[in-house]
N, C-alpha and C. Protein backbone atom coordinates (compact mmCIF):
# COMPACT_ATOMS: atom_id res chain seq x y z
N UNK A 1 101.54 35.58 -82.79
CA UNK A 1 101.57 35.06 -84.14
C UNK A 1 100.64 33.86 -84.21
N UNK A 2 100.02 33.68 -85.37
CA UNK A 2 99.13 32.56 -85.58
C UNK A 2 99.86 31.45 -86.33
N UNK A 3 99.49 30.21 -85.99
CA UNK A 3 100.09 29.04 -86.61
C UNK A 3 99.00 28.10 -87.09
N UNK A 4 99.18 27.59 -88.31
CA UNK A 4 98.30 26.58 -88.86
C UNK A 4 98.90 25.22 -88.51
N UNK A 5 98.11 24.38 -87.89
CA UNK A 5 98.55 23.05 -87.52
C UNK A 5 97.76 22.05 -88.35
N UNK A 6 98.44 21.35 -89.22
CA UNK A 6 97.82 20.36 -90.10
C UNK A 6 97.95 18.99 -89.46
N UNK A 7 96.83 18.32 -89.27
CA UNK A 7 96.82 16.99 -88.67
C UNK A 7 96.76 15.96 -89.80
N UNK A 8 97.80 15.14 -89.89
CA UNK A 8 97.92 14.14 -90.95
C UNK A 8 97.56 12.76 -90.44
N UNK A 9 97.18 11.90 -91.37
CA UNK A 9 96.97 10.49 -91.06
C UNK A 9 97.01 9.67 -92.34
N UNK A 10 97.13 8.36 -92.19
CA UNK A 10 97.09 7.44 -93.32
C UNK A 10 95.63 6.99 -93.44
N UNK A 11 94.92 7.56 -94.39
CA UNK A 11 93.49 7.33 -94.52
C UNK A 11 93.15 5.84 -94.67
N UNK A 12 93.90 5.12 -95.47
CA UNK A 12 93.63 3.69 -95.68
C UNK A 12 93.81 2.89 -94.39
N UNK A 13 94.89 3.17 -93.68
CA UNK A 13 95.13 2.45 -92.42
C UNK A 13 94.04 2.79 -91.40
N UNK A 14 93.62 4.03 -91.36
CA UNK A 14 92.58 4.47 -90.44
C UNK A 14 91.27 3.77 -90.74
N UNK A 15 90.90 3.73 -92.02
CA UNK A 15 89.64 3.10 -92.41
C UNK A 15 89.66 1.59 -92.25
N UNK A 16 90.86 0.99 -92.22
CA UNK A 16 90.98 -0.46 -92.07
C UNK A 16 90.96 -0.91 -90.61
N UNK A 17 91.02 0.02 -89.67
CA UNK A 17 91.01 -0.36 -88.26
C UNK A 17 89.71 -1.06 -87.91
N UNK A 18 89.78 -2.09 -87.07
CA UNK A 18 88.56 -2.68 -86.56
C UNK A 18 87.80 -1.63 -85.74
N UNK A 19 86.48 -1.71 -85.74
CA UNK A 19 85.65 -0.70 -85.07
C UNK A 19 86.05 -0.51 -83.61
N UNK A 20 86.32 -1.60 -82.90
CA UNK A 20 86.69 -1.49 -81.48
C UNK A 20 87.98 -0.70 -81.30
N UNK A 21 88.95 -0.92 -82.16
CA UNK A 21 90.23 -0.19 -82.06
C UNK A 21 90.04 1.28 -82.41
N UNK A 22 89.26 1.55 -83.46
CA UNK A 22 88.97 2.93 -83.83
C UNK A 22 88.25 3.65 -82.70
N UNK A 23 87.24 3.00 -82.12
CA UNK A 23 86.49 3.60 -81.01
C UNK A 23 87.40 3.88 -79.82
N UNK A 24 88.35 2.97 -79.56
CA UNK A 24 89.28 3.17 -78.44
C UNK A 24 90.15 4.40 -78.64
N UNK A 25 90.60 4.63 -79.87
CA UNK A 25 91.41 5.81 -80.17
C UNK A 25 90.55 7.07 -80.06
N UNK A 26 89.43 7.06 -80.76
CA UNK A 26 88.57 8.24 -80.82
C UNK A 26 88.04 8.63 -79.44
N UNK A 27 87.79 7.65 -78.57
CA UNK A 27 87.26 7.95 -77.24
C UNK A 27 88.26 8.72 -76.38
N UNK A 28 89.54 8.65 -76.73
CA UNK A 28 90.56 9.37 -75.97
C UNK A 28 90.73 10.82 -76.43
N UNK A 29 90.20 11.15 -77.60
CA UNK A 29 90.39 12.48 -78.19
C UNK A 29 89.79 13.62 -77.37
N UNK A 30 88.59 13.48 -76.81
CA UNK A 30 87.99 14.62 -76.11
C UNK A 30 88.86 15.24 -75.02
N UNK A 31 89.60 14.43 -74.28
CA UNK A 31 90.43 15.02 -73.21
C UNK A 31 91.56 15.87 -73.79
N UNK A 32 92.16 15.43 -74.90
CA UNK A 32 93.21 16.23 -75.53
C UNK A 32 92.62 17.50 -76.15
N UNK A 33 91.46 17.34 -76.79
CA UNK A 33 90.80 18.51 -77.36
C UNK A 33 90.47 19.53 -76.28
N UNK A 34 90.01 19.06 -75.13
CA UNK A 34 89.68 19.96 -74.02
C UNK A 34 90.92 20.70 -73.53
N UNK A 35 92.04 20.00 -73.41
CA UNK A 35 93.30 20.66 -73.01
C UNK A 35 93.65 21.78 -73.99
N UNK A 36 93.46 21.50 -75.26
CA UNK A 36 93.77 22.49 -76.30
C UNK A 36 92.87 23.71 -76.14
N UNK A 37 91.58 23.48 -75.92
CA UNK A 37 90.65 24.61 -75.72
C UNK A 37 91.00 25.41 -74.46
N UNK A 38 91.27 24.68 -73.38
CA UNK A 38 91.54 25.34 -72.09
C UNK A 38 92.85 26.12 -72.10
N UNK A 39 93.75 25.81 -73.02
CA UNK A 39 95.02 26.54 -73.07
C UNK A 39 94.82 28.00 -73.44
N UNK A 40 93.66 28.31 -74.08
CA UNK A 40 93.39 29.68 -74.49
C UNK A 40 94.04 30.06 -75.80
N UNK A 41 94.77 29.14 -76.41
CA UNK A 41 95.47 29.42 -77.66
C UNK A 41 94.67 29.05 -78.90
N UNK A 42 93.67 28.19 -78.75
CA UNK A 42 92.94 27.67 -79.90
C UNK A 42 92.04 28.73 -80.52
N UNK A 43 92.17 28.93 -81.81
CA UNK A 43 91.34 29.87 -82.56
C UNK A 43 90.26 29.12 -83.32
N UNK A 44 90.64 28.01 -83.97
CA UNK A 44 89.72 27.27 -84.81
C UNK A 44 90.20 25.84 -84.93
N UNK A 45 89.27 24.89 -84.95
CA UNK A 45 89.62 23.48 -85.08
C UNK A 45 88.57 22.80 -85.94
N UNK A 46 88.99 21.91 -86.85
CA UNK A 46 88.03 21.19 -87.69
C UNK A 46 88.65 19.92 -88.23
N UNK A 47 87.79 18.92 -88.45
CA UNK A 47 88.18 17.70 -89.15
C UNK A 47 87.78 17.87 -90.60
N UNK A 48 88.48 17.18 -91.48
CA UNK A 48 88.19 17.25 -92.91
C UNK A 48 87.57 15.95 -93.38
N UNK A 49 86.79 16.04 -94.45
CA UNK A 49 86.19 14.86 -95.05
C UNK A 49 87.25 14.01 -95.73
N UNK A 50 86.86 12.82 -96.18
CA UNK A 50 87.81 11.91 -96.81
C UNK A 50 88.32 12.42 -98.15
N UNK A 51 89.46 11.91 -98.57
CA UNK A 51 90.04 12.35 -99.84
C UNK A 51 89.14 12.02 -101.02
N UNK A 52 88.34 10.96 -100.92
CA UNK A 52 87.44 10.61 -102.04
C UNK A 52 86.37 11.68 -102.26
N UNK A 53 86.18 12.57 -101.29
CA UNK A 53 85.23 13.66 -101.44
C UNK A 53 85.94 14.98 -101.76
N UNK A 54 87.23 14.91 -102.07
CA UNK A 54 88.06 16.09 -102.29
C UNK A 54 88.19 16.41 -103.78
N UNK A 55 88.17 17.67 -104.09
CA UNK A 55 88.41 18.15 -105.45
C UNK A 55 89.56 19.16 -105.38
N UNK A 56 90.36 19.20 -106.43
CA UNK A 56 91.47 20.15 -106.50
C UNK A 56 91.33 21.02 -107.74
N UNK A 57 91.74 22.26 -107.60
CA UNK A 57 91.74 23.20 -108.72
C UNK A 57 93.17 23.64 -108.99
N UNK A 58 93.54 23.63 -110.27
CA UNK A 58 94.86 24.11 -110.70
C UNK A 58 94.66 24.94 -111.95
N UNK A 59 95.49 25.96 -112.14
CA UNK A 59 95.36 26.74 -113.37
C UNK A 59 95.81 25.92 -114.58
N UNK A 60 95.03 25.98 -115.64
CA UNK A 60 95.39 25.30 -116.88
C UNK A 60 94.77 26.08 -118.03
N UNK A 61 95.65 26.59 -118.91
CA UNK A 61 95.15 27.36 -120.05
C UNK A 61 94.42 28.63 -119.63
N UNK A 62 94.83 29.22 -118.52
CA UNK A 62 94.22 30.46 -118.06
C UNK A 62 92.90 30.27 -117.32
N UNK A 63 92.51 29.02 -117.07
CA UNK A 63 91.26 28.75 -116.36
C UNK A 63 91.51 27.70 -115.28
N UNK A 64 90.65 27.65 -114.28
CA UNK A 64 90.79 26.60 -113.27
C UNK A 64 90.41 25.24 -113.86
N UNK A 65 91.27 24.26 -113.67
CA UNK A 65 90.97 22.88 -114.06
C UNK A 65 90.67 22.10 -112.78
N UNK A 66 89.60 21.37 -112.78
CA UNK A 66 89.16 20.63 -111.60
C UNK A 66 89.50 19.16 -111.76
N UNK A 67 90.12 18.59 -110.72
CA UNK A 67 90.45 17.16 -110.72
C UNK A 67 90.00 16.55 -109.40
N UNK A 68 89.80 15.24 -109.42
CA UNK A 68 89.43 14.52 -108.19
C UNK A 68 90.63 14.41 -107.28
N UNK A 69 90.36 14.37 -106.00
CA UNK A 69 91.38 14.05 -105.02
C UNK A 69 92.15 15.24 -104.49
N UNK A 70 93.03 14.94 -103.53
CA UNK A 70 93.82 16.01 -102.92
C UNK A 70 94.82 16.61 -103.91
N UNK A 71 95.30 17.78 -103.58
CA UNK A 71 96.22 18.53 -104.44
C UNK A 71 97.50 17.75 -104.67
N UNK A 72 98.03 17.14 -103.62
CA UNK A 72 99.26 16.36 -103.74
C UNK A 72 98.96 14.92 -103.35
N UNK A 73 99.55 13.99 -104.06
CA UNK A 73 99.38 12.58 -103.71
C UNK A 73 100.49 12.19 -102.75
N UNK A 74 100.08 11.76 -101.57
CA UNK A 74 101.03 11.38 -100.53
C UNK A 74 100.53 10.14 -99.82
N UNK A 75 101.39 9.53 -99.04
CA UNK A 75 100.99 8.38 -98.23
C UNK A 75 100.04 8.83 -97.14
N UNK A 76 100.31 9.99 -96.56
CA UNK A 76 99.47 10.53 -95.49
C UNK A 76 98.66 11.70 -96.03
N UNK A 77 97.45 11.83 -95.54
CA UNK A 77 96.57 12.90 -95.98
C UNK A 77 96.30 13.86 -94.82
N UNK A 78 95.93 15.08 -95.17
CA UNK A 78 95.50 16.03 -94.15
C UNK A 78 94.10 15.63 -93.73
N UNK A 79 93.92 15.36 -92.45
CA UNK A 79 92.63 14.92 -91.94
C UNK A 79 91.93 15.98 -91.12
N UNK A 80 92.65 17.02 -90.77
CA UNK A 80 92.07 18.10 -89.98
C UNK A 80 93.07 19.23 -89.85
N UNK A 81 92.60 20.28 -89.24
CA UNK A 81 93.49 21.42 -89.01
C UNK A 81 93.01 22.18 -87.80
N UNK A 82 93.93 22.97 -87.25
CA UNK A 82 93.54 23.91 -86.22
C UNK A 82 94.48 25.10 -86.30
N UNK A 83 93.98 26.23 -85.88
CA UNK A 83 94.75 27.46 -85.89
C UNK A 83 94.90 27.90 -84.44
N UNK A 84 96.13 28.21 -84.08
CA UNK A 84 96.42 28.62 -82.71
C UNK A 84 97.14 29.96 -82.70
N UNK A 85 97.12 30.59 -81.57
CA UNK A 85 97.87 31.81 -81.33
C UNK A 85 99.00 31.45 -80.36
N UNK A 86 100.23 31.85 -80.71
CA UNK A 86 101.38 31.55 -79.86
C UNK A 86 102.42 32.65 -80.02
N UNK A 87 103.24 32.83 -78.99
CA UNK A 87 104.30 33.86 -79.02
C UNK A 87 105.34 33.57 -80.08
N UNK A 88 105.70 32.27 -80.21
CA UNK A 88 106.76 31.88 -81.14
C UNK A 88 106.58 30.41 -81.50
N UNK A 89 107.47 29.89 -82.33
CA UNK A 89 107.36 28.52 -82.79
C UNK A 89 107.45 27.52 -81.63
N UNK A 90 108.31 27.78 -80.67
CA UNK A 90 108.44 26.86 -79.53
C UNK A 90 107.14 26.74 -78.76
N UNK A 91 106.47 27.87 -78.53
CA UNK A 91 105.19 27.82 -77.84
C UNK A 91 104.14 27.14 -78.71
N UNK A 92 104.18 27.39 -80.02
CA UNK A 92 103.23 26.75 -80.94
C UNK A 92 103.40 25.23 -80.89
N UNK A 93 104.62 24.75 -80.84
CA UNK A 93 104.88 23.31 -80.75
C UNK A 93 104.33 22.77 -79.44
N UNK A 94 104.56 23.49 -78.35
CA UNK A 94 104.05 23.05 -77.05
C UNK A 94 102.53 22.97 -77.06
N UNK A 95 101.88 23.98 -77.63
CA UNK A 95 100.42 23.99 -77.70
C UNK A 95 99.91 22.87 -78.61
N UNK A 96 100.51 22.73 -79.79
CA UNK A 96 100.08 21.69 -80.74
C UNK A 96 100.27 20.29 -80.16
N UNK A 97 101.21 20.14 -79.25
CA UNK A 97 101.46 18.82 -78.66
C UNK A 97 100.29 18.36 -77.79
N UNK A 98 99.34 19.24 -77.51
CA UNK A 98 98.15 18.86 -76.75
C UNK A 98 97.08 18.23 -77.64
N UNK A 99 97.26 18.29 -78.96
CA UNK A 99 96.28 17.72 -79.90
C UNK A 99 96.37 16.19 -79.86
N UNK A 100 95.23 15.49 -80.04
CA UNK A 100 95.26 14.02 -80.03
C UNK A 100 96.25 13.41 -81.01
N UNK A 101 96.45 14.02 -82.17
CA UNK A 101 97.35 13.46 -83.17
C UNK A 101 98.80 13.43 -82.71
N UNK A 102 99.13 14.14 -81.64
CA UNK A 102 100.48 14.11 -81.09
C UNK A 102 100.65 12.96 -80.09
N UNK A 103 99.55 12.33 -79.72
CA UNK A 103 99.59 11.29 -78.68
C UNK A 103 99.04 9.94 -79.12
N UNK A 104 98.09 9.96 -80.03
CA UNK A 104 97.33 8.76 -80.37
C UNK A 104 97.50 8.40 -81.84
N UNK A 105 97.06 7.22 -82.20
CA UNK A 105 96.98 6.84 -83.60
C UNK A 105 98.30 6.65 -84.31
N UNK A 106 99.33 6.24 -83.59
CA UNK A 106 100.63 6.04 -84.23
C UNK A 106 100.53 5.04 -85.37
N UNK A 107 99.72 4.02 -85.20
CA UNK A 107 99.57 2.97 -86.21
C UNK A 107 98.94 3.50 -87.51
N UNK A 108 98.16 4.56 -87.42
CA UNK A 108 97.53 5.11 -88.62
C UNK A 108 98.22 6.38 -89.11
N UNK A 109 99.42 6.63 -88.59
CA UNK A 109 100.24 7.71 -89.11
C UNK A 109 99.84 9.10 -88.67
N UNK A 110 99.11 9.22 -87.55
CA UNK A 110 98.76 10.56 -87.11
C UNK A 110 100.01 11.37 -86.85
N UNK A 111 99.96 12.63 -87.17
CA UNK A 111 101.06 13.54 -86.95
C UNK A 111 100.60 14.96 -87.21
N UNK A 112 101.39 15.92 -86.80
CA UNK A 112 101.01 17.34 -86.92
C UNK A 112 102.15 18.12 -87.55
N UNK A 113 101.80 18.96 -88.49
CA UNK A 113 102.74 19.92 -89.09
C UNK A 113 102.35 21.30 -88.57
N UNK A 114 103.30 22.03 -88.03
CA UNK A 114 103.05 23.38 -87.48
C UNK A 114 103.71 24.39 -88.41
N UNK A 115 102.88 25.31 -88.94
CA UNK A 115 103.41 26.31 -89.89
C UNK A 115 102.93 27.70 -89.50
N UNK A 116 103.85 28.69 -89.51
CA UNK A 116 103.43 30.06 -89.23
C UNK A 116 102.50 30.57 -90.34
N UNK A 117 101.54 31.34 -89.95
CA UNK A 117 100.64 31.98 -90.92
C UNK A 117 101.17 33.39 -91.16
N UNK A 118 101.50 33.69 -92.38
CA UNK A 118 102.07 34.98 -92.73
C UNK A 118 101.03 36.09 -92.73
N UNK A 119 99.83 35.77 -93.11
CA UNK A 119 98.74 36.76 -93.11
C UNK A 119 97.47 36.07 -92.66
N UNK A 120 96.66 36.74 -91.89
CA UNK A 120 95.44 36.12 -91.40
C UNK A 120 94.33 37.14 -91.41
N UNK A 121 93.24 36.78 -92.05
CA UNK A 121 92.04 37.60 -91.98
C UNK A 121 90.92 36.73 -91.50
N UNK A 122 90.31 37.13 -90.41
CA UNK A 122 89.19 36.38 -89.88
C UNK A 122 87.89 37.13 -90.13
N UNK A 123 86.84 36.39 -90.04
CA UNK A 123 85.51 36.98 -90.21
C UNK A 123 84.92 37.21 -88.82
N UNK A 124 84.38 38.35 -88.59
CA UNK A 124 83.73 38.66 -87.32
C UNK A 124 82.29 38.17 -87.38
N UNK A 125 81.98 37.16 -86.59
CA UNK A 125 80.61 36.62 -86.56
C UNK A 125 79.83 37.18 -85.40
């Protein structure tokens, strides 16, 4: 089964970090990312742009209405995602725990939401 793992963070707190502190956190990420790749479960991984570059579409009057910002206003924003393959939710949690957001950045609200994907269609490249 495939699982979508949403990596959350507090964008304002993250952007307010002094450069040295940010660099210290980010420099630790490659080893966690490598563990995730080496597990053989990783299908796709990506970081997302800032919320100020985000647009949302909602139906209004039978047409898509476009607004600035993320779909939902929250304290924490989705900053990245990854898709993994796992036997069950317990294995998905174990695999997702290898992501940097499960270990680093507590001060900026990093965290991961693990959700089963009900349907998945991939593109063959």
